[in-house]
Amino acid sequence: MTNPSPRAGRREWTAFVVLLLPLLLVSMDTSVLFFAVPEITRDLGASSTQQLWIFDSYAFALAGLLITMGSLGDRIGRRKLLLLGAAAFGAASVAAAYAQSAETLIAARFVLGIGGATLMPSTMGLVRNMFRDDAQRTKAIGIWSAAMAGGIALGSVAGGVMLRHFWWGSVFLVNVPAMVLLLVCAPLLVPEFKDPRPGRFDAPGVLLSMGAVLPTIYGVKEMAADGFSLPRLLCLVAGLVLGAAFVRRQRRGRGTMISRELFRHRAFGAGIGLNTLAMFAMMGSSYFTTQYLQSVLGKGPLEAALWGSLPSLAVGVAGPLATVLAQRVDRAYVIASGFVVAAGGFALLLGIGTRSLTLTLISCAVIACGIVTVMALVSDLALAATPPEKAGSAASLLETGQEFGGALGMAVFGSVGMAVYRRDVTDAVSPALPHGQLEAVRETVTGAAVVAARLPGRTGDAVLSAAREAFVHGMHVAAVGAVVVLVVGAAVAARALRGCAEAAQVEVPQPRPFTVS
């Protein structure tokens, strides 16, 4: 029989609240620029290519460096890396806010991504170390997952509100007070944790990991946005080849970035896979619902963001509730139930027409509750099976899986929906439109609205109605696919994770003493 783990007290929970600040801001930064791009373009004279890099430089730096920063935190100390990342994030926020050129803003966004890559695995790794009691750790990670999901939803709203009252740089300056607070409070409240015997730093592994992640995510994102092309396919293939080389090195080399010890327990590998699948579904649903609110229901950007943020209120309840259920029922079944709930949310999308605001919001809330249930519990299960000294590396792998899942969700759902949309809208309006106008209508519902506004009376109304119905049909087809995928995910979770929580306490050896200060 093992001695019970020490329970966290007021100091640890206060430190946890402090750690939620960087997590919330990093997740918000993925969406905070949605409404600011037109003003940035006017002020800085950004080209269309520069606009894309203003968005993507942050995401690519974040995704490409997560694994590296998780391994680095295990070596130098997670609190130290957290503080370095907070300083970089705050400084880059100021640089972005007062950027005088598009190039400066892109560079600042890249540094923000580097800072984000240090903050995310550090916060999750520290949570794993501060909360050694199973019930408390599960509760903390449930709140952590809900905060991350809520931050993505709140980012666009915060950006819209700030832009209504201030200039575009204000969306970056909101980061600064929180980072200053973190720099002041973390040394006082958060203890340091690191691996006392981490081995050599794996420089070749760093290059291989970045070479695998960056081109793969770039290829997937570009195909989702602009369709298939040979250069994008080659980029994707190059990333997969380098990814295979990275995995081979980690499995056979010595002193590698990722310890093979992490995969001793089946909960860890299964947790990464299921977490990736959950984010796949989350971002896939977001792809459709955000466009539906604006392009089909005709909401303005800020109004759509405010409506779209309502489902995040349910997320704040779902994460903690899932952790309570997991204390009473085998969490494999709770995780499987989360997948089933999310599948039910996608099934509700099948009832949505071209004027279904209420049902859309209910669907989003149900999907989000199911997905957060999955993400909170599989993250906790994977970390519970992780030696504490490797928590940073484990957290970085979980979060890298989320980045891949999100990119794949956007690509797959977007491709399916667009294929159906283009087929339906072509069949419906091609006899009535010349080639140039037809191509604009086939691109997006927004393009169809522009064309419809130039057409006389009933013809314009018919074109816009056909485009909206085609978009909704594409969403229905993608939703059917999502239901199938999530039901399969539920079956895999129930089978692969059954008894994992108990087995982790028995099978995973007691970790070596690791540095705490």
Protein backbone atom coordinates (compact mmCIF):
# COMPACT_ATOMS: atom_id res chain seq x y z
CA MET A 1 0.00 0.00 0.00
CA THR A 2 1.29 3.47 -0.93
CA ASN A 3 1.12 6.47 1.32
CA PRO A 4 -1.56 9.00 0.35
CA SER A 5 -0.23 11.96 -1.61
CA PRO A 6 -0.13 15.29 0.23
CA ARG A 7 -3.11 17.53 -0.42
CA ALA A 8 -2.65 21.01 -1.82
CA GLY A 9 -3.55 23.92 0.43
CA ARG A 10 -4.46 27.57 0.04
CA ARG A 11 -1.01 28.51 -1.28
CA GLU A 12 -1.18 25.98 -4.13
CA TRP A 13 -4.71 26.99 -5.13
CA THR A 14 -3.73 30.67 -5.08
CA ALA A 15 -0.72 29.83 -7.27
CA PHE A 16 -3.05 27.92 -9.57
CA VAL A 17 -5.21 31.02 -10.08
CA VAL A 18 -2.06 32.95 -10.98
CA LEU A 19 -1.11 30.24 -13.50
CA LEU A 20 -4.51 30.53 -15.19
CA LEU A 21 -3.66 34.09 -16.28
CA PRO A 22 -1.02 33.18 -18.89
CA LEU A 23 -3.08 30.23 -20.06
CA LEU A 24 -6.14 32.40 -20.65
CA LEU A 25 -4.13 35.05 -22.50
CA VAL A 26 -2.24 32.58 -24.69
CA SER A 27 -5.50 30.92 -25.76
CA MET A 28 -7.16 34.31 -26.32
CA ASP A 29 -4.28 35.43 -28.53
CA THR A 30 -5.25 32.83 -31.14
CA SER A 31 -8.50 34.71 -31.87
CA VAL A 32 -8.05 38.26 -30.55
CA LEU A 33 -7.01 39.62 -33.97
CA PHE A 34 -10.16 38.55 -35.85
CA PHE A 35 -11.63 42.06 -35.86
CA ALA A 36 -8.40 44.04 -35.79
CA VAL A 37 -7.03 43.04 -39.21
CA PRO A 38 -8.90 45.72 -41.25
CA GLU A 39 -7.56 48.52 -39.02
CA ILE A 40 -4.06 47.02 -39.00
CA THR A 41 -4.12 46.76 -42.78
CA ARG A 42 -5.12 50.41 -43.14
CA ASP A 43 -2.58 51.72 -40.61
CA LEU A 44 0.39 49.58 -41.62
CA GLY A 45 -0.36 49.08 -45.31
CA ALA A 46 -0.16 45.30 -44.93
CA SER A 47 -0.40 43.22 -48.08
CA SER A 48 -2.62 40.13 -48.28
CA THR A 49 0.42 37.90 -47.68
CA GLN A 50 1.46 39.99 -44.69
CA GLN A 51 -2.07 39.73 -43.28
CA LEU A 52 -1.79 35.95 -43.34
CA TRP A 53 1.57 36.01 -41.59
CA ILE A 54 0.29 38.39 -38.92
CA PHE A 55 -2.11 35.60 -38.02
CA ASP A 56 0.03 32.55 -38.74
CA SER A 57 3.42 33.59 -37.32
CA TYR A 58 1.99 33.24 -33.80
CA ALA A 59 0.40 29.84 -34.44
CA PHE A 60 3.46 28.40 -36.19
CA ALA A 61 5.92 29.52 -33.51
CA LEU A 62 3.61 28.17 -30.81
CA ALA A 63 3.11 24.78 -32.46
CA GLY A 64 6.69 24.35 -33.60
CA LEU A 65 8.29 25.00 -30.22
CA LEU A 66 5.91 23.28 -27.77
CA ILE A 67 7.88 20.02 -27.63
CA THR A 68 11.18 21.86 -27.34
CA MET A 69 9.97 24.13 -24.56
CA GLY A 70 8.42 21.26 -22.62
CA SER A 71 11.74 19.43 -22.64
CA LEU A 72 13.63 22.63 -21.79
CA GLY A 73 11.37 23.30 -18.79
CA ASP A 74 12.11 19.85 -17.40
CA ARG A 75 15.82 20.72 -17.56
CA ILE A 76 16.09 24.31 -16.38
CA GLY A 77 12.95 24.42 -14.20
CA ARG A 78 9.32 24.99 -15.13
CA ARG A 79 8.92 28.12 -13.03
CA LYS A 80 12.08 29.62 -14.52
CA LEU A 81 10.85 28.91 -18.05
CA LEU A 82 7.43 30.31 -17.14
CA LEU A 83 8.99 33.56 -15.97
CA LEU A 84 11.19 33.84 -19.05
CA GLY A 85 8.17 33.20 -21.25
CA ALA A 86 6.06 35.76 -19.37
CA ALA A 87 8.76 38.41 -19.81
CA ALA A 88 9.04 37.65 -23.53
CA PHE A 89 5.25 37.60 -23.94
CA GLY A 90 4.86 40.96 -22.19
CA ALA A 91 7.67 42.63 -24.12
CA ALA A 92 6.42 41.27 -27.45
CA SER A 93 2.90 42.51 -26.62
CA VAL A 94 4.22 46.06 -26.21
CA ALA A 95 6.21 45.75 -29.44
CA ALA A 96 3.13 44.50 -31.29
CA ALA A 97 0.90 47.25 -29.89
CA TYR A 98 3.23 50.02 -31.12
CA ALA A 99 4.47 48.37 -34.33
CA GLN A 100 5.03 50.87 -37.13
CA SER A 101 5.22 48.33 -39.95
CA ALA A 102 3.72 45.00 -40.91
CA GLU A 103 7.16 43.37 -40.70
CA THR A 104 7.59 44.54 -37.09
CA LEU A 105 4.15 43.24 -36.16
CA ILE A 106 4.87 39.84 -37.76
CA ALA A 107 8.14 39.60 -35.84
CA ALA A 108 6.41 40.57 -32.58
CA ARG A 109 3.69 37.96 -33.19
CA PHE A 110 6.41 35.35 -33.73
CA VAL A 111 7.97 36.24 -30.37
CA LEU A 112 4.51 36.05 -28.80
CA GLY A 113 4.27 32.52 -30.17
CA ILE A 114 7.64 31.64 -28.61
CA GLY A 115 6.42 33.01 -25.30
CA GLY A 116 3.19 31.07 -25.62
CA ALA A 117 5.13 27.87 -26.28
CA THR A 118 6.96 28.33 -22.97
CA LEU A 119 3.85 29.23 -20.98
CA MET A 120 1.46 26.43 -21.94
CA PRO A 121 3.52 23.31 -21.05
CA SER A 122 5.00 25.09 -18.03
CA THR A 123 1.57 25.82 -16.55
CA MET A 124 0.24 22.29 -17.09
CA GLY A 125 3.49 20.74 -15.83
CA LEU A 126 3.38 22.88 -12.70
CA VAL A 127 -0.24 21.87 -12.09
CA ARG A 128 0.85 18.22 -12.26
CA ASN A 129 3.56 18.89 -9.68
CA MET A 130 1.62 21.10 -7.27
CA PHE A 131 -1.43 18.84 -7.04
CA ARG A 132 -0.25 15.38 -6.06
CA ASP A 133 -3.62 14.27 -4.67
CA ASP A 134 -5.57 12.55 -7.46
CA ALA A 135 -8.91 14.24 -6.81
CA GLN A 136 -7.38 17.71 -6.51
CA ARG A 137 -5.23 17.26 -9.62
CA THR A 138 -8.22 16.08 -11.63
CA LYS A 139 -10.25 19.10 -10.50
CA ALA A 140 -7.42 21.52 -11.31
CA ILE A 141 -6.89 20.11 -14.80
CA GLY A 142 -10.65 20.27 -15.41
CA ILE A 143 -10.60 23.98 -14.62
CA TRP A 144 -7.41 24.36 -16.70
CA SER A 145 -9.08 22.78 -19.75
CA ALA A 146 -12.23 24.90 -19.37
CA ALA A 147 -10.12 28.07 -19.12
CA MET A 148 -8.23 27.21 -22.29
CA ALA A 149 -11.41 26.50 -24.27
CA GLY A 150 -13.09 29.59 -22.86
CA GLY A 151 -10.11 31.78 -23.71
CA ILE A 152 -10.37 30.93 -27.41
CA ALA A 153 -14.04 31.94 -27.40
CA LEU A 154 -13.46 35.11 -25.39
CA GLY A 155 -10.53 36.31 -27.49
CA SER A 156 -12.63 37.51 -30.40
CA VAL A 157 -15.13 39.19 -28.06
CA ALA A 158 -12.37 40.96 -26.13
CA GLY A 159 -10.81 42.10 -29.38
CA GLY A 160 -14.12 43.48 -30.66
CA VAL A 161 -14.86 45.34 -27.42
CA MET A 162 -11.37 46.86 -27.24
CA LEU A 163 -11.53 48.01 -30.85
CA ARG A 164 -14.84 49.74 -30.23
CA HIS A 165 -13.20 52.03 -27.66
CA PHE A 166 -9.45 52.05 -28.44
CA TRP A 167 -6.98 51.63 -31.30
CA TRP A 168 -5.94 48.20 -32.58
CA GLY A 169 -2.79 48.06 -30.43
CA SER A 170 -4.95 47.81 -27.31
CA VAL A 171 -5.72 44.15 -28.05
CA PHE A 172 -2.06 43.42 -27.29
CA LEU A 173 -1.62 45.74 -24.32
CA VAL A 174 -4.21 43.83 -22.26
CA ASN A 175 -1.54 41.12 -21.92
CA VAL A 176 0.94 43.35 -20.12
CA PRO A 177 -0.69 43.80 -16.66
CA ALA A 178 -1.35 40.06 -16.40
CA MET A 179 2.25 39.22 -17.27
CA VAL A 180 3.57 41.74 -14.76
CA LEU A 181 1.33 40.19 -12.10
CA LEU A 182 2.63 36.75 -13.03
CA LEU A 183 6.27 37.91 -12.81
CA VAL A 184 5.61 39.33 -9.34
CA CYS A 185 3.46 36.54 -7.88
CA ALA A 186 4.95 33.38 -9.39
CA PRO A 187 8.30 33.57 -7.51
CA LEU A 188 6.36 34.05 -4.25
CA LEU A 189 3.70 31.37 -4.74
CA VAL A 190 4.87 28.82 -7.29
CA PRO A 191 7.61 26.37 -6.28
CA GLU A 192 10.28 25.34 -8.77
CA PHE A 193 10.27 21.84 -10.26
CA LYS A 194 12.80 20.24 -12.57
CA ASP A 195 14.36 16.92 -13.44
CA PRO A 196 17.60 16.48 -11.45
CA ARG A 197 19.10 14.17 -14.11
CA PRO A 198 17.73 15.32 -17.47
CA GLY A 199 20.66 14.24 -19.65
CA ARG A 200 22.06 16.14 -22.59
CA PHE A 201 19.87 18.59 -24.50
CA ASP A 202 18.82 16.95 -27.76
CA ALA A 203 19.67 19.61 -30.37
CA PRO A 204 19.08 17.31 -33.40
CA GLY A 205 15.73 16.37 -31.87
CA VAL A 206 14.79 20.05 -31.63
CA LEU A 207 15.48 20.56 -35.34
CA LEU A 208 13.60 17.41 -36.30
CA SER A 209 10.59 18.30 -34.15
CA MET A 210 10.32 21.77 -35.64
CA GLY A 211 10.90 20.36 -39.12
CA ALA A 212 8.07 17.91 -38.55
CA VAL A 213 5.51 20.21 -36.93
CA LEU A 214 5.88 23.43 -38.94
CA PRO A 215 5.53 22.13 -42.54
CA THR A 216 2.83 19.65 -41.56
CA ILE A 217 0.61 22.25 -39.91
CA TYR A 218 1.40 24.78 -42.66
CA GLY A 219 0.42 22.30 -45.37
CA VAL A 220 -2.81 21.36 -43.61
CA LYS A 221 -3.79 25.00 -42.95
CA GLU A 222 -3.06 26.08 -46.51
CA MET A 223 -5.04 23.20 -48.00
CA ALA A 224 -7.94 24.05 -45.71
CA ALA A 225 -7.85 27.70 -46.82
CA ASP A 226 -7.04 27.43 -50.55
CA GLY A 227 -7.46 23.81 -51.57
CA PHE A 228 -5.10 21.14 -52.86
CA SER A 229 -1.89 21.95 -54.73
CA LEU A 230 1.37 20.10 -55.37
CA PRO A 231 3.58 22.49 -53.30
CA ARG A 232 1.24 22.16 -50.31
CA LEU A 233 1.20 18.39 -50.66
CA LEU A 234 5.01 18.28 -50.82
CA CYS A 235 5.16 20.49 -47.71
CA LEU A 236 2.87 18.07 -45.88
CA VAL A 237 4.86 15.04 -47.03
CA ALA A 238 8.14 16.65 -45.94
CA GLY A 239 6.70 17.27 -42.49
CA LEU A 240 5.51 13.67 -42.18
CA VAL A 241 8.89 12.30 -43.28
CA LEU A 242 10.72 14.46 -40.74
CA GLY A 243 8.12 13.42 -38.16
CA ALA A 244 8.91 9.77 -38.81
CA ALA A 245 12.62 10.53 -38.43
CA PHE A 246 11.90 12.34 -35.14
CA VAL A 247 9.91 9.39 -33.78
CA ARG A 248 12.65 6.96 -34.84
CA ARG A 249 15.29 9.05 -33.06
CA GLN A 250 13.20 9.30 -29.88
CA ARG A 251 12.63 5.55 -29.82
CA ARG A 252 16.23 4.49 -30.46
CA GLY A 253 18.51 7.34 -29.44
CA ARG A 254 20.03 8.23 -26.09
CA GLY A 255 19.51 11.52 -24.31
CA THR A 256 16.47 12.31 -26.46
CA MET A 257 13.90 15.06 -25.92
CA ILE A 258 11.06 12.68 -25.13
CA SER A 259 11.71 9.97 -22.56
CA ARG A 260 10.50 6.49 -23.50
CA GLU A 261 9.44 6.26 -19.87
CA LEU A 262 6.44 8.43 -20.73
CA PHE A 263 4.94 5.62 -22.80
CA ARG A 264 5.27 2.90 -20.18
CA HIS A 265 1.58 3.23 -19.45
CA ARG A 266 -1.08 2.91 -22.14
CA ALA A 267 -3.00 5.89 -20.70
CA PHE A 268 -0.38 8.32 -21.99
CA GLY A 269 -0.37 7.37 -25.66
CA ALA A 270 -4.14 6.88 -25.70
CA GLY A 271 -4.57 10.25 -23.97
CA ILE A 272 -2.59 12.06 -26.67
CA GLY A 273 -4.59 10.40 -29.43
CA LEU A 274 -7.99 11.08 -27.84
CA ASN A 275 -7.01 14.66 -26.98
CA THR A 276 -6.08 15.21 -30.62
CA LEU A 277 -9.42 13.78 -31.72
CA ALA A 278 -11.29 16.05 -29.30
CA MET A 279 -9.60 19.18 -30.64
CA PHE A 280 -10.24 17.94 -34.19
CA ALA A 281 -13.97 17.99 -33.43
CA MET A 282 -13.87 21.28 -31.52
CA MET A 283 -12.16 23.26 -34.27
CA GLY A 284 -14.21 21.54 -36.95
CA SER A 285 -17.43 22.71 -35.32
CA SER A 286 -16.02 26.21 -34.83
CA TYR A 287 -15.21 26.41 -38.54
CA PHE A 288 -18.89 26.10 -39.42
CA THR A 289 -20.63 27.84 -36.57
CA THR A 290 -18.59 31.06 -36.73
CA GLN A 291 -19.27 31.33 -40.47
CA TYR A 292 -22.91 30.38 -40.01
CA LEU A 293 -23.54 33.21 -37.56
CA GLN A 294 -22.09 35.81 -39.93
CA SER A 295 -22.62 34.53 -43.46
CA VAL A 296 -25.96 32.73 -43.07
CA LEU A 297 -27.67 34.61 -40.22
CA GLY A 298 -26.11 37.92 -41.27
CA LYS A 299 -24.74 38.93 -37.85
CA GLY A 300 -22.03 41.58 -37.67
CA PRO A 301 -18.58 40.48 -36.48
CA LEU A 302 -18.92 41.71 -32.90
CA GLU A 303 -22.53 40.55 -32.59
CA ALA A 304 -21.55 37.12 -33.92
CA ALA A 305 -18.66 36.93 -31.46
CA LEU A 306 -20.94 37.82 -28.55
CA TRP A 307 -23.49 35.19 -29.53
CA GLY A 308 -20.71 32.69 -30.14
CA SER A 309 -19.27 33.23 -26.67
CA LEU A 310 -22.47 32.10 -24.91
CA PRO A 311 -21.70 28.35 -25.23
CA SER A 312 -18.46 28.94 -23.31
CA LEU A 313 -20.57 29.55 -20.20
CA ALA A 314 -21.59 25.91 -20.30
CA VAL A 315 -17.93 24.91 -20.64
CA GLY A 316 -17.19 26.49 -17.26
CA VAL A 317 -19.59 23.99 -15.70
CA ALA A 318 -18.75 20.94 -17.80
CA GLY A 319 -15.06 20.67 -16.90
CA PRO A 320 -15.45 20.67 -13.10
CA LEU A 321 -18.58 18.47 -13.30
CA ALA A 322 -16.67 15.87 -15.34
CA THR A 323 -13.98 15.72 -12.67
CA VAL A 324 -16.62 15.05 -9.99
CA LEU A 325 -18.13 12.21 -12.05
CA ALA A 326 -14.66 10.75 -12.59
CA GLN A 327 -14.30 10.27 -8.84
CA ARG A 328 -17.36 8.00 -8.79
CA VAL A 329 -17.27 6.20 -12.15
CA ASP A 330 -14.43 4.66 -14.14
CA ARG A 331 -13.22 7.67 -16.09
CA ALA A 332 -13.02 5.60 -19.27
CA TYR A 333 -16.81 5.64 -19.30
CA VAL A 334 -16.99 9.35 -18.45
CA ILE A 335 -14.60 10.12 -21.33
CA ALA A 336 -16.62 7.89 -23.66
CA SER A 337 -19.76 9.71 -22.52
CA GLY A 338 -18.08 13.01 -23.38
CA PHE A 339 -17.54 11.81 -26.93
CA VAL A 340 -21.17 10.68 -27.11
CA VAL A 341 -22.40 14.05 -25.82
CA ALA A 342 -20.28 15.85 -28.43
CA ALA A 343 -21.66 13.51 -31.11
CA GLY A 344 -25.16 14.46 -29.91
CA GLY A 345 -24.27 18.13 -30.37
CA PHE A 346 -23.23 17.47 -33.96
CA ALA A 347 -26.47 15.52 -34.46
CA LEU A 348 -28.37 18.63 -33.38
CA LEU A 349 -26.63 20.52 -36.20
CA LEU A 350 -28.58 18.33 -38.62
CA GLY A 351 -31.76 20.15 -37.58
CA ILE A 352 -30.37 23.60 -38.34
CA GLY A 353 -31.84 25.55 -41.23
CA THR A 354 -30.95 28.99 -42.52
CA ARG A 355 -32.61 30.76 -39.53
CA SER A 356 -31.72 28.68 -36.47
CA LEU A 357 -29.81 30.84 -34.00
CA THR A 358 -31.12 29.18 -30.82
CA LEU A 359 -30.52 25.62 -32.01
CA THR A 360 -27.05 26.59 -33.24
CA LEU A 361 -26.07 27.94 -29.82
CA ILE A 362 -27.48 24.87 -28.08
CA SER A 363 -25.54 22.61 -30.46
CA CYS A 364 -22.31 24.52 -29.81
CA ALA A 365 -22.82 24.32 -26.05
CA VAL A 366 -23.45 20.55 -26.17
CA ILE A 367 -20.41 19.95 -28.39
CA ALA A 368 -18.19 22.12 -26.18
CA CYS A 369 -19.35 20.39 -22.99
CA GLY A 370 -18.61 16.97 -24.42
CA ILE A 371 -15.22 17.97 -25.79
CA VAL A 372 -14.09 19.71 -22.59
CA THR A 373 -15.12 16.62 -20.62
CA VAL A 374 -12.86 14.53 -22.85
CA MET A 375 -9.93 16.94 -22.84
CA ALA A 376 -9.97 17.51 -19.10
CA LEU A 377 -10.05 13.83 -18.17
CA VAL A 378 -7.67 12.43 -20.78
CA SER A 379 -5.15 15.17 -19.97
CA ASP A 380 -5.39 14.34 -16.29
CA LEU A 381 -5.15 10.61 -16.97
CA ALA A 382 -2.08 11.04 -19.16
CA LEU A 383 -0.36 13.29 -16.64
CA ALA A 384 -1.21 10.96 -13.77
CA ALA A 385 0.72 8.22 -15.57
CA THR A 386 3.69 10.57 -16.08
CA PRO A 387 6.70 10.75 -13.73
CA PRO A 388 6.57 14.22 -12.13
CA GLU A 389 10.04 15.13 -13.41
CA LYS A 390 8.80 14.61 -17.01
CA ALA A 391 5.56 16.58 -16.62
CA GLY A 392 6.72 19.42 -18.88
CA SER A 393 7.53 17.10 -21.78
CA ALA A 394 4.25 15.25 -21.27
CA ALA A 395 2.25 18.50 -21.29
CA SER A 396 3.99 19.67 -24.46
CA LEU A 397 3.09 16.44 -26.28
CA LEU A 398 -0.55 16.78 -25.25
CA GLU A 399 -0.66 20.37 -26.47
CA THR A 400 1.16 19.60 -29.73
CA GLY A 401 -1.49 16.95 -30.37
CA GLN A 402 -4.13 19.61 -29.84
CA GLU A 403 -2.45 21.88 -32.40
CA PHE A 404 -2.42 19.06 -34.95
CA GLY A 405 -6.01 18.15 -34.16
CA GLY A 406 -7.18 21.73 -34.56
CA ALA A 407 -5.43 22.15 -37.91
CA LEU A 408 -6.80 18.83 -39.18
CA GLY A 409 -10.30 19.69 -37.99
CA MET A 410 -10.29 22.94 -39.92
CA ALA A 411 -8.89 21.22 -43.01
CA VAL A 412 -11.14 18.16 -43.07
CA PHE A 413 -14.39 19.85 -42.07
CA GLY A 414 -13.64 22.81 -44.31
CA SER A 415 -12.85 20.61 -47.31
CA VAL A 416 -16.00 18.50 -46.92
CA GLY A 417 -18.23 21.50 -46.38
CA MET A 418 -16.72 23.43 -49.28
CA ALA A 419 -17.05 20.49 -51.68
CA VAL A 420 -20.76 20.14 -50.89
CA TYR A 421 -21.30 23.90 -51.00
CA ARG A 422 -19.69 24.30 -54.41
CA ARG A 423 -21.61 21.38 -55.91
CA ASP A 424 -24.96 22.54 -54.58
CA VAL A 425 -24.58 26.20 -55.38
CA THR A 426 -23.32 25.45 -58.89
CA ASP A 427 -26.32 23.26 -59.60
CA ALA A 428 -28.69 25.89 -58.22
CA VAL A 429 -27.45 29.15 -59.78
CA SER A 430 -25.23 28.34 -62.78
CA PRO A 431 -28.04 28.78 -65.37
CA ALA A 432 -28.72 32.33 -64.13
CA LEU A 433 -25.19 33.73 -63.77
CA PRO A 434 -22.26 34.48 -66.08
CA HIS A 435 -18.98 32.70 -65.40
CA GLY A 436 -17.28 35.52 -63.45
CA GLN A 437 -20.17 35.95 -61.03
CA LEU A 438 -20.60 32.19 -60.67
CA GLU A 439 -16.98 31.80 -59.59
CA ALA A 440 -17.41 34.46 -56.90
CA VAL A 441 -20.56 32.74 -55.63
CA ARG A 442 -18.79 29.36 -55.56
CA GLU A 443 -15.97 30.68 -53.37
CA THR A 444 -17.85 31.67 -50.20
CA VAL A 445 -21.28 32.71 -48.93
CA THR A 446 -19.80 36.18 -48.43
CA GLY A 447 -18.90 36.28 -52.12
CA ALA A 448 -22.42 35.18 -52.96
CA ALA A 449 -23.82 38.04 -50.85
CA VAL A 450 -21.69 40.58 -52.76
CA VAL A 451 -22.87 39.21 -56.11
CA ALA A 452 -26.49 39.03 -54.94
CA ALA A 453 -26.44 42.68 -53.88
CA ARG A 454 -25.64 43.67 -57.49
CA LEU A 455 -28.41 41.59 -59.03
CA PRO A 456 -31.99 42.77 -59.50
CA GLY A 457 -34.72 41.85 -57.01
CA ARG A 458 -35.73 38.22 -56.95
CA THR A 459 -32.63 37.05 -58.81
CA GLY A 460 -30.33 38.36 -56.07
CA ASP A 461 -32.53 36.92 -53.35
CA ALA A 462 -32.54 33.52 -55.07
CA VAL A 463 -28.73 33.48 -55.40
CA LEU A 464 -28.21 34.39 -51.74
CA SER A 465 -30.81 31.89 -50.56
CA ALA A 466 -29.22 29.12 -52.64
CA ALA A 467 -25.77 29.93 -51.24
CA ARG A 468 -26.99 29.86 -47.64
CA GLU A 469 -28.85 26.57 -48.16
CA ALA A 470 -25.76 25.07 -49.82
CA PHE A 471 -23.59 26.11 -46.87
CA VAL A 472 -26.04 24.57 -44.39
CA HIS A 473 -26.12 21.34 -46.43
CA GLY A 474 -22.33 21.20 -46.35
CA MET A 475 -22.45 21.66 -42.58
CA HIS A 476 -24.96 18.80 -42.32
CA VAL A 477 -22.75 16.42 -44.32
CA ALA A 478 -19.69 17.29 -42.23
CA ALA A 479 -21.74 16.85 -39.04
CA VAL A 480 -22.68 13.30 -40.05
CA GLY A 481 -19.00 12.49 -40.48
CA ALA A 482 -18.24 14.05 -37.09
CA VAL A 483 -20.91 11.92 -35.40
CA VAL A 484 -19.34 8.77 -36.83
CA VAL A 485 -15.81 9.79 -35.80
CA LEU A 486 -16.87 10.73 -32.26
CA VAL A 487 -18.84 7.52 -31.73
CA VAL A 488 -15.73 5.58 -32.77
CA GLY A 489 -13.74 7.74 -30.34
CA ALA A 490 -16.19 6.81 -27.56
CA ALA A 491 -15.74 3.11 -28.29
CA VAL A 492 -11.94 3.44 -28.35
CA ALA A 493 -11.93 5.38 -25.07
CA ALA A 494 -14.18 2.87 -23.30
CA ARG A 495 -11.98 -0.02 -24.40
CA ALA A 496 -8.47 1.48 -24.23
CA LEU A 497 -8.84 3.43 -20.99
CA ARG A 498 -10.86 1.00 -18.91
CA GLY A 499 -9.17 0.64 -15.53
CA CYS A 500 -6.34 2.99 -16.50
CA ALA A 501 -6.72 5.24 -13.44
CA GLU A 502 -6.27 2.34 -11.04
CA ALA A 503 -3.56 0.72 -13.15
CA ALA A 504 -1.56 3.93 -13.20
CA GLN A 505 -1.29 3.91 -9.42
CA VAL A 506 -0.06 0.31 -9.49
CA GLU A 507 2.05 0.08 -12.64
CA VAL A 508 3.84 3.40 -12.74
CA PRO A 509 6.87 3.24 -10.46
CA GLN A 510 7.40 5.83 -7.78
CA PRO A 511 9.35 8.65 -9.42
CA ARG A 512 12.90 9.52 -8.53
CA PRO A 513 13.22 12.46 -6.16
CA PHE A 514 13.15 15.64 -8.21
CA THR A 515 14.13 19.18 -7.45
CA VAL A 516 11.57 21.34 -5.66
CA SER A 517 12.47 24.77 -4.36
